[in-house]
N, C-alpha and C. Protein backbone atom coordinates (compact mmCIF):
# COMPACT_ATOMS: atom_id res chain seq x y z
N UNK A 1 128.87 102.14 177.83
CA UNK A 1 130.42 102.95 177.76
C UNK A 1 131.37 102.04 177.38
N UNK A 2 131.75 100.79 177.89
CA UNK A 2 132.63 99.93 177.42
C UNK A 2 132.57 99.68 176.03
N UNK A 3 131.39 99.40 175.55
CA UNK A 3 131.66 99.23 173.88
C UNK A 3 132.06 100.43 173.23
N UNK A 4 131.81 101.64 173.57
CA UNK A 4 132.34 102.81 172.93
C UNK A 4 133.66 102.98 173.07
N UNK A 5 134.18 102.49 174.46
CA UNK A 5 135.88 102.57 174.63
C UNK A 5 136.41 101.57 173.90
N UNK A 6 135.68 100.58 173.61
CA UNK A 6 136.26 99.37 172.73
C UNK A 6 136.39 99.97 171.13
N UNK A 7 135.24 100.44 170.76
CA UNK A 7 135.25 101.05 169.40
C UNK A 7 136.45 101.79 169.32
N UNK A 8 136.69 102.69 170.22
CA UNK A 8 137.87 103.69 170.06
C UNK A 8 139.24 102.92 169.82
N UNK A 9 139.44 101.48 170.17
CA UNK A 9 140.50 100.85 169.88
C UNK A 9 140.52 100.10 168.28
N UNK A 10 139.40 100.41 168.11
CA UNK A 10 139.50 99.84 166.47
C UNK A 10 139.59 101.23 165.58
N UNK A 11 138.70 102.30 165.82
CA UNK A 11 138.61 103.45 164.94
C UNK A 11 140.08 104.08 165.00
N UNK A 12 140.92 104.43 166.10
CA UNK A 12 141.99 104.87 166.17
C UNK A 12 143.15 104.14 165.32
N UNK A 13 143.55 103.20 165.12
CA UNK A 13 144.26 102.60 164.43
C UNK A 13 143.74 102.79 162.88
N UNK A 14 142.67 102.74 162.53
CA UNK A 14 141.99 102.79 161.21
C UNK A 14 142.38 104.09 160.84
N UNK A 15 142.13 105.26 161.58
CA UNK A 15 142.35 106.58 161.33
C UNK A 15 143.71 106.73 161.05
N UNK A 16 144.75 106.43 161.58
CA UNK A 16 146.05 106.44 161.52
C UNK A 16 146.36 106.11 160.16
N UNK A 17 146.11 104.82 159.95
CA UNK A 17 146.41 103.91 158.59
C UNK A 17 145.85 104.81 157.34
N UNK A 18 144.73 105.21 157.53
CA UNK A 18 144.02 106.01 156.51
C UNK A 18 144.80 107.13 156.29
N UNK A 19 144.96 107.82 157.29
CA UNK A 19 145.71 109.23 157.29
C UNK A 19 147.29 109.23 156.43
N UNK A 20 147.82 108.04 156.63
CA UNK A 20 149.29 108.07 156.37
C UNK A 20 149.05 107.36 154.93
N UNK A 21 148.40 106.43 154.77
CA UNK A 21 148.46 105.77 153.48
C UNK A 21 147.54 106.02 152.28
N UNK A 22 146.30 106.68 152.57
CA UNK A 22 145.44 106.88 151.70
C UNK A 22 145.21 108.63 151.59
N UNK A 23 144.92 109.25 152.63
CA UNK A 23 144.68 110.60 152.61
C UNK A 23 146.09 111.48 152.19
N UNK A 24 147.10 111.52 152.91
CA UNK A 24 148.12 112.21 152.77
C UNK A 24 148.79 111.97 151.48
N UNK A 25 149.09 110.62 151.04
CA UNK A 25 149.45 110.29 149.76
C UNK A 25 150.98 109.91 150.02
N UNK A 26 151.59 109.83 148.67
CA UNK A 26 152.86 109.55 148.86
C UNK A 26 153.81 110.92 149.08
N UNK A 27 154.03 111.19 150.40
CA UNK A 27 154.55 112.45 150.51
C UNK A 27 156.06 112.24 150.49
N UNK A 28 157.12 113.64 150.12
CA UNK A 28 158.30 113.66 150.05
C UNK A 28 159.11 112.98 151.19
N UNK A 29 160.39 112.16 150.86
CA UNK A 29 161.19 111.87 152.08
C UNK A 29 161.78 112.53 152.43
N UNK A 30 162.74 112.46 153.33
CA UNK A 30 163.64 113.55 154.15
C UNK A 30 164.74 113.93 153.33
N UNK A 31 165.02 113.31 151.96
CA UNK A 31 166.10 113.56 151.21
C UNK A 31 165.61 114.69 149.89
N UNK A 32 164.23 114.95 150.27
CA UNK A 32 163.74 115.68 149.08
C UNK A 32 164.08 117.23 149.20
N UNK A 33 164.28 117.89 147.80
CA UNK A 33 164.70 119.13 147.89
C UNK A 33 163.53 120.06 148.42
N UNK A 34 163.86 121.29 148.68
CA UNK A 34 163.12 122.33 149.07
C UNK A 34 161.99 122.51 148.33
N UNK A 35 162.45 122.52 146.91
CA UNK A 35 161.21 122.84 145.85
C UNK A 35 160.17 121.73 145.72
N UNK A 36 160.91 120.60 145.96
CA UNK A 36 160.05 119.20 145.86
C UNK A 36 158.95 119.45 147.03
N UNK A 37 159.43 119.60 148.25
CA UNK A 37 158.67 119.62 149.30
C UNK A 37 157.47 120.80 149.13
N UNK A 38 157.97 122.07 148.84
CA UNK A 38 157.02 123.03 148.60
C UNK A 38 156.02 122.95 147.50
N UNK A 39 156.28 122.24 146.44
CA UNK A 39 155.46 121.75 145.28
C UNK A 39 154.57 120.74 145.65
N UNK A 40 154.97 119.76 146.22
CA UNK A 40 154.03 118.73 146.66
C UNK A 40 153.03 118.90 147.60
N UNK A 41 153.14 119.83 148.68
CA UNK A 41 152.33 120.28 149.80
C UNK A 41 151.44 121.28 149.35
N UNK A 42 151.93 122.30 148.45
CA UNK A 42 150.94 123.19 147.91
C UNK A 42 150.24 122.61 147.02
N UNK A 43 150.47 121.57 146.43
CA UNK A 43 149.27 120.72 145.32
C UNK A 43 148.52 119.88 146.24
N UNK A 44 148.92 119.50 147.39
CA UNK A 44 148.05 118.37 148.11
C UNK A 44 147.94 119.18 149.60
N UNK A 45 147.67 120.15 149.71
CA UNK A 45 147.39 121.25 150.92
C UNK A 45 146.25 120.62 151.69
N UNK A 46 145.17 120.47 151.17
CA UNK A 46 143.87 120.12 151.74
C UNK A 46 143.64 118.77 152.44
N UNK A 47 144.18 117.71 151.56
CA UNK A 47 144.49 116.54 152.31
C UNK A 47 145.18 116.47 153.16
N UNK A 48 146.35 116.92 153.16
CA UNK A 48 147.45 116.69 154.20
C UNK A 48 146.81 117.70 155.41
N UNK A 49 146.18 118.55 155.45
CA UNK A 49 145.64 119.06 156.52
C UNK A 49 144.52 118.31 157.11
N UNK A 50 143.82 117.45 156.29
CA UNK A 50 142.87 116.48 156.74
C UNK A 50 143.55 115.43 157.53
N UNK A 51 144.60 114.92 156.81
CA UNK A 51 145.42 113.86 157.44
C UNK A 51 145.99 114.28 158.90
N UNK A 52 146.34 115.39 158.99
CA UNK A 52 146.88 115.97 160.53
C UNK A 52 145.72 115.81 161.15
N UNK A 53 144.56 116.40 161.12
CA UNK A 53 143.45 116.18 161.89
C UNK A 53 143.00 114.84 162.37
N UNK A 54 143.05 113.86 161.28
CA UNK A 54 142.66 112.45 161.47
C UNK A 54 143.47 111.99 162.50
N UNK A 55 144.82 112.27 162.35
CA UNK A 55 146.08 111.69 163.56
C UNK A 55 145.64 111.96 164.71
N UNK A 56 145.37 113.66 165.06
CA UNK A 56 145.08 114.27 166.15
C UNK A 56 143.99 113.61 166.87
N UNK A 57 142.71 113.13 166.12
CA UNK A 57 141.75 112.70 166.29
C UNK A 57 142.00 111.14 167.10
N UNK A 58 142.79 110.38 166.25
CA UNK A 58 143.14 109.09 166.59
C UNK A 58 144.00 109.14 167.84
N UNK A 59 144.79 110.27 168.18
CA UNK A 59 145.34 110.24 169.30
C UNK A 59 144.51 110.20 170.41
N UNK A 60 143.48 110.94 170.54
CA UNK A 60 142.51 110.96 171.51
C UNK A 60 141.66 109.74 171.91
N UNK A 61 141.44 109.05 170.61
CA UNK A 61 140.67 108.08 170.79
C UNK A 61 141.76 106.83 171.49
N UNK A 62 143.16 106.79 171.12
CA UNK A 62 143.99 105.85 171.90
C UNK A 62 143.98 106.10 173.13
N UNK A 63 143.88 107.41 173.69
CA UNK A 63 143.97 107.50 175.21
C UNK A 63 142.56 106.94 176.07
N UNK A 64 141.40 107.26 175.19
CA UNK A 64 139.91 106.57 175.68
C UNK A 64 140.14 105.04 175.81
N UNK A 65 140.80 104.27 174.54
CA UNK A 65 140.85 103.11 174.56
C UNK A 65 141.87 102.55 175.72
N UNK A 66 143.17 103.50 175.86
CA UNK A 66 143.78 103.05 176.95
C UNK A 66 143.04 102.98 178.49
N UNK A 67 142.34 103.63 178.56
CA UNK A 67 141.60 103.63 180.09
C UNK A 67 140.86 102.46 179.99
N UNK A 68 140.04 101.98 179.14
CA UNK A 68 139.30 100.46 178.82
C UNK A 68 140.55 99.71 179.15
N UNK A 69 141.52 99.47 178.59
CA UNK A 69 142.56 98.55 178.38
C UNK A 69 143.00 98.19 179.98
N UNK A 70 143.49 99.42 180.60
CA UNK A 70 143.73 99.46 181.75
C UNK A 70 142.66 98.57 182.84
N UNK A 71 141.52 99.02 182.74
CA UNK A 71 140.44 98.87 183.58
C UNK A 71 140.29 97.04 183.34
N UNK A 72 140.61 96.49 182.05
CA UNK A 72 140.43 95.12 181.78
C UNK A 72 141.76 94.35 182.45
N UNK A 73 143.07 94.85 182.17
CA UNK A 73 144.10 94.19 182.85
C UNK A 73 144.19 94.06 184.44
N UNK A 74 143.68 95.35 184.91
CA UNK A 74 143.70 95.59 186.44
C UNK A 74 143.30 94.31 186.94
N UNK A 75 141.83 93.72 186.42
CA UNK A 75 141.19 92.62 187.00
C UNK A 75 141.22 92.61 188.60
N UNK A 76 140.24 93.74 188.90
CA UNK A 76 139.99 93.92 190.26
C UNK A 76 139.09 92.66 191.12
N UNK A 77 138.68 91.97 190.33
CA UNK A 77 138.02 90.71 190.84
C UNK A 77 138.73 89.58 191.26
N UNK A 78 140.06 89.53 190.66
CA UNK A 78 141.12 88.53 190.38
C UNK A 78 142.12 88.82 191.97
N UNK A 79 142.63 87.79 192.33
CA UNK A 79 143.71 87.81 193.13
C UNK A 79 145.13 88.01 192.76
N UNK A 80 145.99 88.67 192.98
CA UNK A 80 147.10 88.71 192.31
C UNK A 80 148.00 89.77 193.01
N UNK A 81 149.53 89.84 192.49
CA UNK A 81 150.38 90.88 193.23
C UNK A 81 149.98 92.27 192.70
N UNK A 82 150.58 93.25 193.30
CA UNK A 82 150.34 94.67 193.34
C UNK A 82 150.94 95.15 191.88
N UNK A 83 152.03 94.30 191.41
CA UNK A 83 152.63 94.25 190.22
C UNK A 83 151.60 94.23 189.11
N UNK A 84 150.92 93.08 189.00
CA UNK A 84 150.08 92.38 187.66
C UNK A 84 148.50 93.47 188.17
N UNK A 85 148.48 93.82 189.22
CA UNK A 85 146.85 94.30 189.50
C UNK A 85 147.07 95.97 189.32
N UNK A 86 148.32 96.50 189.81
CA UNK A 86 148.15 97.78 189.66
C UNK A 86 149.18 98.66 188.73
N UNK A 87 150.53 98.06 188.64
CA UNK A 87 151.82 98.83 188.00
C UNK A 87 151.71 98.54 186.60
N UNK A 88 151.66 97.36 186.22
CA UNK A 88 151.71 96.81 185.17
C UNK A 88 150.46 97.26 183.88
N UNK A 89 149.12 97.42 184.43
CA UNK A 89 148.12 97.94 183.66
C UNK A 89 148.30 99.39 183.64
N UNK A 90 148.80 99.98 184.61
CA UNK A 90 149.22 101.41 184.65
C UNK A 90 150.18 101.75 183.72
N UNK A 91 151.35 100.95 183.54
CA UNK A 91 152.41 100.69 182.44
C UNK A 91 151.68 100.84 180.94
N UNK A 92 150.81 99.89 180.77
CA UNK A 92 150.42 99.87 179.43
C UNK A 92 149.43 101.02 179.26
N UNK A 93 148.86 101.65 180.20
CA UNK A 93 148.05 102.63 179.90
C UNK A 93 148.91 103.92 179.45
N UNK A 94 150.18 103.93 180.34
CA UNK A 94 151.07 105.20 180.11
C UNK A 94 151.72 105.10 178.71
N UNK A 95 152.00 103.84 178.47
CA UNK A 95 152.45 103.52 176.92
C UNK A 95 151.67 104.01 176.08
N UNK A 96 150.47 104.06 176.03
CA UNK A 96 149.30 104.26 174.98
C UNK A 96 149.37 105.86 175.12
N UNK A 97 149.29 106.31 176.00
CA UNK A 97 149.52 108.06 176.36
C UNK A 97 150.53 108.53 175.40
N UNK A 98 151.91 107.89 175.91
CA UNK A 98 153.25 108.23 175.16
C UNK A 98 152.75 108.43 173.54
N UNK A 99 152.31 107.05 173.18
CA UNK A 99 151.81 106.93 171.57
C UNK A 99 150.86 108.06 171.53
N UNK A 100 149.91 108.28 172.23
CA UNK A 100 149.29 109.41 171.64
C UNK A 100 149.76 110.66 171.56
N UNK A 101 150.67 111.29 172.68
CA UNK A 101 151.16 112.48 172.71
C UNK A 101 152.25 112.62 171.52
N UNK A 102 152.74 111.56 171.13
CA UNK A 102 153.68 111.33 169.95
C UNK A 102 152.94 111.59 168.71
N UNK A 103 151.82 111.06 168.67
CA UNK A 103 151.00 111.33 167.25
C UNK A 103 150.51 112.82 167.18
N UNK A 104 150.15 113.35 168.39
CA UNK A 104 149.48 114.73 168.60
C UNK A 104 150.99 115.43 167.91
N UNK A 105 152.26 115.15 168.51
CA UNK A 105 153.30 116.02 168.06
C UNK A 105 153.71 115.94 166.48
N UNK A 106 153.47 114.66 165.92
CA UNK A 106 153.65 114.36 164.64
C UNK A 106 152.48 115.02 163.76
N UNK A 107 151.33 115.10 164.10
CA UNK A 107 150.09 115.98 163.66
C UNK A 107 150.59 117.46 163.50
N UNK A 108 150.94 117.77 164.54
CA UNK A 108 151.44 119.31 164.71
C UNK A 108 152.70 119.82 163.69
N UNK A 109 153.67 118.69 163.58
CA UNK A 109 154.66 118.89 162.75
C UNK A 109 154.11 118.94 161.45
N UNK A 110 153.14 118.04 161.07
CA UNK A 110 152.65 117.85 159.63
C UNK A 110 151.83 119.21 159.49
N UNK A 111 151.04 119.60 160.32
CA UNK A 111 150.45 120.84 160.11
C UNK A 111 151.16 122.05 159.59
N UNK A 112 152.27 122.21 160.65
CA UNK A 112 153.26 123.51 160.46
C UNK A 112 154.13 123.38 158.90
N UNK A 113 154.26 121.96 158.64
CA UNK A 113 154.92 121.79 157.33
C UNK A 113 154.05 122.32 156.00
N UNK A 114 152.71 121.62 156.29
CA UNK A 114 151.83 122.11 154.82
C UNK A 114 151.89 123.57 155.08
N UNK A 115 151.55 124.56 156.45
CA UNK A 115 151.48 125.63 156.39
C UNK A 115 152.91 126.44 155.62
N UNK A 116 153.79 126.00 156.19
CA UNK A 116 155.10 126.59 155.47
C UNK A 116 155.31 126.55 154.16
N UNK A 117 154.93 125.16 153.44
CA UNK A 117 155.14 124.99 152.19
C UNK A 117 153.95 125.95 151.58
N UNK A 118 152.69 126.09 152.00
CA UNK A 118 151.87 127.02 151.23
C UNK A 118 152.22 128.37 151.33
N UNK A 119 153.04 128.69 152.08
CA UNK A 119 153.61 130.22 152.21
C UNK A 119 154.82 130.31 151.43
N UNK A 120 155.29 129.31 150.88
CA UNK A 120 156.44 129.20 150.17
C UNK A 120 157.82 129.53 151.11
N UNK A 121 157.84 129.14 152.41
CA UNK A 121 159.00 129.38 153.27
C UNK A 121 159.76 128.10 152.95
N UNK A 122 160.44 127.96 151.78
CA UNK A 122 161.15 126.82 151.31
C UNK A 122 162.22 126.05 152.28
N UNK A 123 163.01 126.69 152.83
CA UNK A 123 163.95 126.11 153.80
C UNK A 123 163.23 125.41 155.32
N UNK A 124 162.42 126.31 155.78
CA UNK A 124 161.65 125.92 157.08
C UNK A 124 160.71 124.74 156.59
N UNK A 125 160.20 124.70 155.43
CA UNK A 125 159.46 123.55 154.89
C UNK A 125 160.25 122.51 154.85
N UNK A 126 161.66 122.55 154.18
CA UNK A 126 162.40 121.36 154.02
C UNK A 126 162.76 121.00 155.20
N UNK A 127 163.10 121.63 156.29
CA UNK A 127 163.51 121.31 157.65
C UNK A 127 162.58 120.44 158.45
N UNK A 128 161.23 121.03 158.31
CA UNK A 128 160.12 120.42 158.82
C UNK A 128 159.69 119.06 157.97
N UNK A 129 159.99 118.95 157.10
CA UNK A 129 159.81 117.75 156.06
C UNK A 129 160.65 116.62 156.63
N UNK A 130 162.13 116.94 157.05
CA UNK A 130 162.96 116.03 157.79
C UNK A 130 162.61 115.55 158.86
N UNK A 131 162.02 116.68 159.79
CA UNK A 131 161.69 116.24 161.06
C UNK A 131 160.19 115.36 160.87
N UNK A 132 159.41 115.70 160.15
CA UNK A 132 158.25 114.98 159.94
C UNK A 132 158.37 113.60 159.47
N UNK A 133 159.58 113.20 158.80
CA UNK A 133 159.83 112.13 158.53
C UNK A 133 160.61 111.04 159.43
N UNK A 134 160.68 111.62 160.58
CA UNK A 134 161.47 111.01 161.82
C UNK A 134 160.93 111.27 163.29
N UNK A 135 159.62 111.22 163.20
CA UNK A 135 159.03 111.49 164.62
C UNK A 135 158.50 110.03 165.08
N UNK A 136 159.00 108.96 164.48
CA UNK A 136 158.72 107.62 164.84
C UNK A 136 159.12 107.02 166.16
N UNK A 137 160.27 107.68 166.68
CA UNK A 137 160.71 107.16 167.92
C UNK A 137 159.64 106.99 169.23
N UNK A 138 158.80 108.37 169.23
CA UNK A 138 157.86 108.29 170.10
C UNK A 138 156.72 107.41 169.93
N UNK A 139 156.24 107.00 168.89
CA UNK A 139 155.23 105.91 168.43
C UNK A 139 155.81 104.59 168.91
N UNK A 140 157.25 104.38 168.59
CA UNK A 140 157.69 103.00 168.85
C UNK A 140 157.92 102.75 170.29
N UNK A 141 158.63 103.82 171.11
CA UNK A 141 158.48 103.82 172.50
C UNK A 141 157.16 103.38 173.19
N UNK A 142 156.46 104.43 172.80
CA UNK A 142 154.96 104.28 173.41
C UNK A 142 154.60 102.71 173.46
N UNK A 143 154.54 102.38 172.07
CA UNK A 143 153.84 101.20 171.64
C UNK A 143 154.51 100.00 172.51
N UNK A 144 155.97 99.96 172.46
CA UNK A 144 156.62 98.91 173.05
C UNK A 144 156.37 98.78 174.64
N UNK A 145 156.24 100.10 175.27
CA UNK A 145 155.91 99.77 176.79
C UNK A 145 154.55 99.52 176.69
N UNK A 146 153.73 99.87 176.02
CA UNK A 146 152.39 99.22 176.01
C UNK A 146 152.07 97.70 175.89
N UNK A 147 153.07 97.29 174.88
CA UNK A 147 152.90 95.80 174.24
C UNK A 147 153.24 95.11 175.64
N UNK A 148 154.66 95.24 175.86
CA UNK A 148 155.43 94.56 177.13
C UNK A 148 154.56 94.62 178.35
N UNK A 149 154.19 95.64 178.85
CA UNK A 149 153.38 95.72 180.15
C UNK A 149 152.07 95.26 179.92
N UNK A 150 151.25 95.02 178.79
CA UNK A 150 150.00 94.36 178.84
C UNK A 150 150.41 92.97 178.37
N UNK A 151 151.30 92.61 177.90
CA UNK A 151 151.58 91.19 177.55
C UNK A 151 151.89 90.30 178.91
N UNK A 152 152.95 90.94 179.61
CA UNK A 152 153.43 90.25 180.68
C UNK A 152 152.29 90.20 181.97
N UNK A 153 151.33 91.31 182.04
CA UNK A 153 150.44 91.02 182.73
C UNK A 153 149.17 90.08 182.20
N UNK A 154 149.23 90.08 181.14
CA UNK A 154 148.35 89.05 180.50
C UNK A 154 148.71 87.51 180.72
N UNK A 155 149.94 87.20 180.48
CA UNK A 155 150.57 86.13 180.97
C UNK A 155 150.44 85.77 182.29
N UNK A 156 150.65 86.74 183.05
CA UNK A 156 150.57 86.29 184.68
C UNK A 156 149.37 86.15 185.03
N UNK A 157 148.34 86.94 184.55
CA UNK A 157 146.92 86.51 185.23
C UNK A 157 146.11 86.93 183.70
N UNK A 158 145.90 85.66 183.02
CA UNK A 158 145.02 86.05 181.89
C UNK A 158 143.69 86.52 181.85
N UNK A 159 143.34 87.91 181.92
CA UNK A 159 142.30 88.25 181.80
C UNK A 159 141.95 88.32 180.29
N UNK A 160 142.97 88.16 179.49
CA UNK A 160 142.65 87.75 178.02
C UNK A 160 143.36 86.63 177.61
N UNK A 161 143.12 85.67 176.41
CA UNK A 161 143.57 84.71 176.31
C UNK A 161 145.23 84.66 176.36
N UNK A 162 145.84 83.79 177.10
CA UNK A 162 147.26 83.99 177.32
C UNK A 162 148.32 84.00 176.03
N UNK A 163 147.71 83.38 175.19
CA UNK A 163 148.53 83.83 173.71
C UNK A 163 148.33 85.23 173.12
N UNK A 164 147.45 85.95 173.54
CA UNK A 164 147.42 87.45 173.13
C UNK A 164 148.74 88.00 174.04
N UNK A 165 148.87 87.77 175.40
CA UNK A 165 149.96 88.31 176.16
C UNK A 165 151.22 87.64 175.46
N UNK A 166 151.72 86.48 175.42
CA UNK A 166 152.58 86.18 174.65
C UNK A 166 153.11 87.08 173.27
N UNK A 167 151.89 87.04 172.57
CA UNK A 167 152.08 87.88 171.20
C UNK A 167 152.43 89.45 171.66
N UNK A 168 151.88 90.05 172.67
CA UNK A 168 152.19 91.36 172.98
C UNK A 168 154.03 91.46 173.27
N UNK A 169 154.15 90.45 174.28
CA UNK A 169 155.63 90.42 174.60
C UNK A 169 156.47 90.42 173.39
N UNK A 170 156.26 89.46 172.57
CA UNK A 170 157.29 89.29 171.10
C UNK A 170 157.15 90.85 170.53
N UNK A 171 155.93 91.29 170.20
CA UNK A 171 155.67 92.42 169.60
C UNK A 171 156.54 93.73 170.10
N UNK A 172 156.39 93.79 171.51
CA UNK A 172 156.94 94.73 172.30
C UNK A 172 158.51 94.70 172.19
N UNK A 173 158.95 93.44 172.10
CA UNK A 173 160.71 93.18 171.74
C UNK A 173 160.88 93.82 170.59
N UNK A 174 160.14 93.09 169.56
CA UNK A 174 160.26 93.38 168.03
C UNK A 174 160.22 94.94 167.81
N UNK A 175 159.57 95.71 168.50
CA UNK A 175 159.21 97.35 168.20
C UNK A 175 160.57 97.82 168.50
N UNK A 176 161.46 97.26 169.23
CA UNK A 176 162.79 97.88 169.80
C UNK A 176 163.92 97.22 169.01
N UNK A 177 163.83 96.56 168.16
CA UNK A 177 164.61 95.71 167.27
C UNK A 177 165.26 96.58 166.08
N UNK A 178 165.37 97.93 166.14
CA UNK A 178 166.05 98.56 165.37
C UNK A 178 165.01 98.70 163.97
N UNK A 179 165.45 98.34 162.78
CA UNK A 179 165.02 98.38 161.51
C UNK A 179 163.69 97.47 161.40
N UNK A 180 163.46 96.50 162.41
CA UNK A 180 162.48 95.79 162.53
C UNK A 180 161.42 96.53 163.23
N UNK A 181 161.62 97.52 164.01
CA UNK A 181 160.57 98.35 164.82
C UNK A 181 159.14 98.53 164.05
N UNK A 182 159.50 98.91 162.75
CA UNK A 182 158.52 99.39 161.65
C UNK A 182 157.35 97.95 161.57
N UNK A 183 157.79 96.81 161.72
CA UNK A 183 156.90 95.51 161.52
C UNK A 183 156.43 95.31 163.18
N UNK A 184 157.37 95.90 164.21
CA UNK A 184 156.47 95.70 165.46
C UNK A 184 155.29 96.40 165.55
N UNK A 185 155.29 97.83 165.05
CA UNK A 185 154.30 98.78 165.26
C UNK A 185 153.13 98.21 164.53
N UNK A 186 153.23 97.71 163.18
CA UNK A 186 152.21 97.35 162.37
C UNK A 186 151.77 95.71 163.23
N UNK A 187 152.40 95.22 163.67
CA UNK A 187 151.64 94.00 164.62
C UNK A 187 150.97 94.63 165.90
N UNK A 188 151.62 95.31 166.49
CA UNK A 188 151.00 96.09 167.64
C UNK A 188 149.85 96.82 167.43
N UNK A 189 149.47 97.19 166.05
CA UNK A 189 148.20 97.91 165.80
C UNK A 189 147.13 96.99 165.53
N UNK A 190 147.74 95.57 165.01
CA UNK A 190 146.70 94.62 164.85
C UNK A 190 146.33 94.09 166.03
N UNK A 191 147.35 94.11 166.94
CA UNK A 191 147.07 93.53 168.47
C UNK A 191 145.94 94.22 169.29
N UNK A 192 145.87 95.55 168.83
CA UNK A 192 144.79 96.48 169.44
C UNK A 192 143.44 96.40 168.86
N UNK A 193 143.66 96.19 167.70
CA UNK A 193 142.34 96.00 166.94
C UNK A 193 141.73 94.75 167.29
N UNK A 194 142.42 93.41 167.57
CA UNK A 194 142.05 92.29 167.88
C UNK A 194 141.58 92.31 169.42
N UNK A 195 142.07 92.89 170.17
CA UNK A 195 141.86 93.27 171.34
C UNK A 195 140.25 93.85 171.76
N UNK A 196 140.47 94.92 170.89
CA UNK A 196 139.39 96.10 170.92
C UNK A 196 137.98 95.28 170.62
N UNK A 197 138.13 94.31 169.30
CA UNK A 197 137.14 93.44 168.64
C UNK A 197 136.52 92.61 169.88
N UNK A 198 137.60 91.98 170.68
CA UNK A 198 137.12 91.19 171.77
C UNK A 198 136.33 91.89 172.87
N UNK A 199 136.68 93.00 173.05
CA UNK A 199 135.85 93.96 174.19
C UNK A 199 134.52 94.33 173.55
N UNK A 200 134.42 94.56 171.90
CA UNK A 200 133.23 95.08 171.63
C UNK A 200 132.23 94.02 171.33
N UNK A 201 132.75 92.64 171.18
CA UNK A 201 131.73 91.52 171.03
C UNK A 201 131.21 91.43 172.33
N UNK A 202 131.89 91.12 173.34
CA UNK A 202 131.54 90.88 174.74
C UNK A 202 131.90 92.07 175.47
N UNK A 203 130.83 92.96 175.84
CA UNK A 203 131.30 94.22 176.77
C UNK A 203 131.12 93.78 177.99
N UNK A 204 130.72 92.47 178.64
CA UNK A 204 130.83 92.11 179.83
C UNK A 204 132.05 91.46 180.36
N UNK A 205 133.09 91.76 179.27
CA UNK A 205 134.38 91.07 179.52
C UNK A 205 135.13 92.43 180.23
N UNK A 206 134.92 92.17 181.52
CA UNK A 206 135.93 93.53 182.19
C UNK A 206 136.46 92.80 183.55
N UNK A 207 137.14 93.50 184.36
CA UNK A 207 137.72 93.01 185.49
C UNK A 207 136.83 92.85 186.51
N UNK A 208 136.08 91.75 186.43
CA UNK A 208 135.21 91.56 187.67
C UNK A 208 134.96 90.26 187.67
N UNK A 209 135.91 89.10 187.40
CA UNK A 209 135.60 87.97 188.11
C UNK A 209 136.52 86.63 187.39
N UNK A 210 138.00 86.79 187.61
CA UNK A 210 138.77 85.87 187.48
C UNK A 210 138.72 84.64 186.40
N UNK A 211 138.36 83.49 186.61
CA UNK A 211 138.27 82.57 185.65
C UNK A 211 137.29 82.91 184.70
N UNK A 212 135.99 83.37 185.42
CA UNK A 212 134.71 83.82 184.08
C UNK A 212 135.28 84.67 183.14
N UNK A 213 136.13 85.64 183.61
CA UNK A 213 136.70 86.57 182.24
C UNK A 213 137.44 85.89 181.32
N UNK A 214 138.31 84.91 181.51
CA UNK A 214 138.71 84.04 180.66
C UNK A 214 138.16 83.12 179.94
N UNK A 215 137.05 82.50 180.22
CA UNK A 215 136.36 81.69 179.79
C UNK A 215 135.21 82.21 178.77
N UNK A 216 134.97 83.58 179.25
CA UNK A 216 134.21 84.65 178.26
C UNK A 216 134.72 84.69 177.23
N UNK A 217 135.93 85.20 177.21
CA UNK A 217 136.93 85.50 175.94
C UNK A 217 137.11 84.39 174.89
N UNK A 218 137.45 82.90 175.77
CA UNK A 218 137.66 81.69 174.98
C UNK A 218 136.70 81.59 174.24
N UNK A 219 135.25 81.58 174.98
CA UNK A 219 134.26 81.19 174.21
C UNK A 219 133.88 82.09 173.03
N UNK A 220 134.40 83.14 173.04
CA UNK A 220 134.18 84.06 171.80
C UNK A 220 134.96 83.48 170.75
N UNK A 221 136.11 82.87 170.79
CA UNK A 221 136.93 82.36 169.90
C UNK A 221 136.15 81.06 169.21
């Protein structure tokens, strides 16, 4: 089961990336005219329906991975204060849940946008397109929470290599740095994939034994 939950951490980001960069294509920006929006989404209806579905599936997978990450960060076999053992892992889990909810919202808006365009509801389609291009605050907020919580928990009690903890903290701060937030999101996605691969390679890496957990991951590198 731990292997499958780890796979979710790889599959979810890949689905989101493919949905936005390959399947949906070069969608109109928020300055596009109503006619442009309707024309584009009528011509690319099926692809964008598929992209919305892929994002929704990714949201589900993010939550499943979040459960595995929380288990790892909790480190039940380790000694530590309640903040590291309970609150921070829960915050990391909650951050990924916020991300998942935001992705589901984005998928719903995108689906509604395609529907409106297909039915030639020009003004609603243009309005939805503006909203569709500006739903990133939920992603940024959720990812920042997850990165900061996971990073601090890892630095204070390294069930993962400590450098991953410091990297997560930097990514979390960067995600909230205005225009640089997009870079933070990309790095956060990379961080999740790296951690998920570690979990996949060594399914016995779980919250069960202090120094042994760290040594197992270090040996993987």
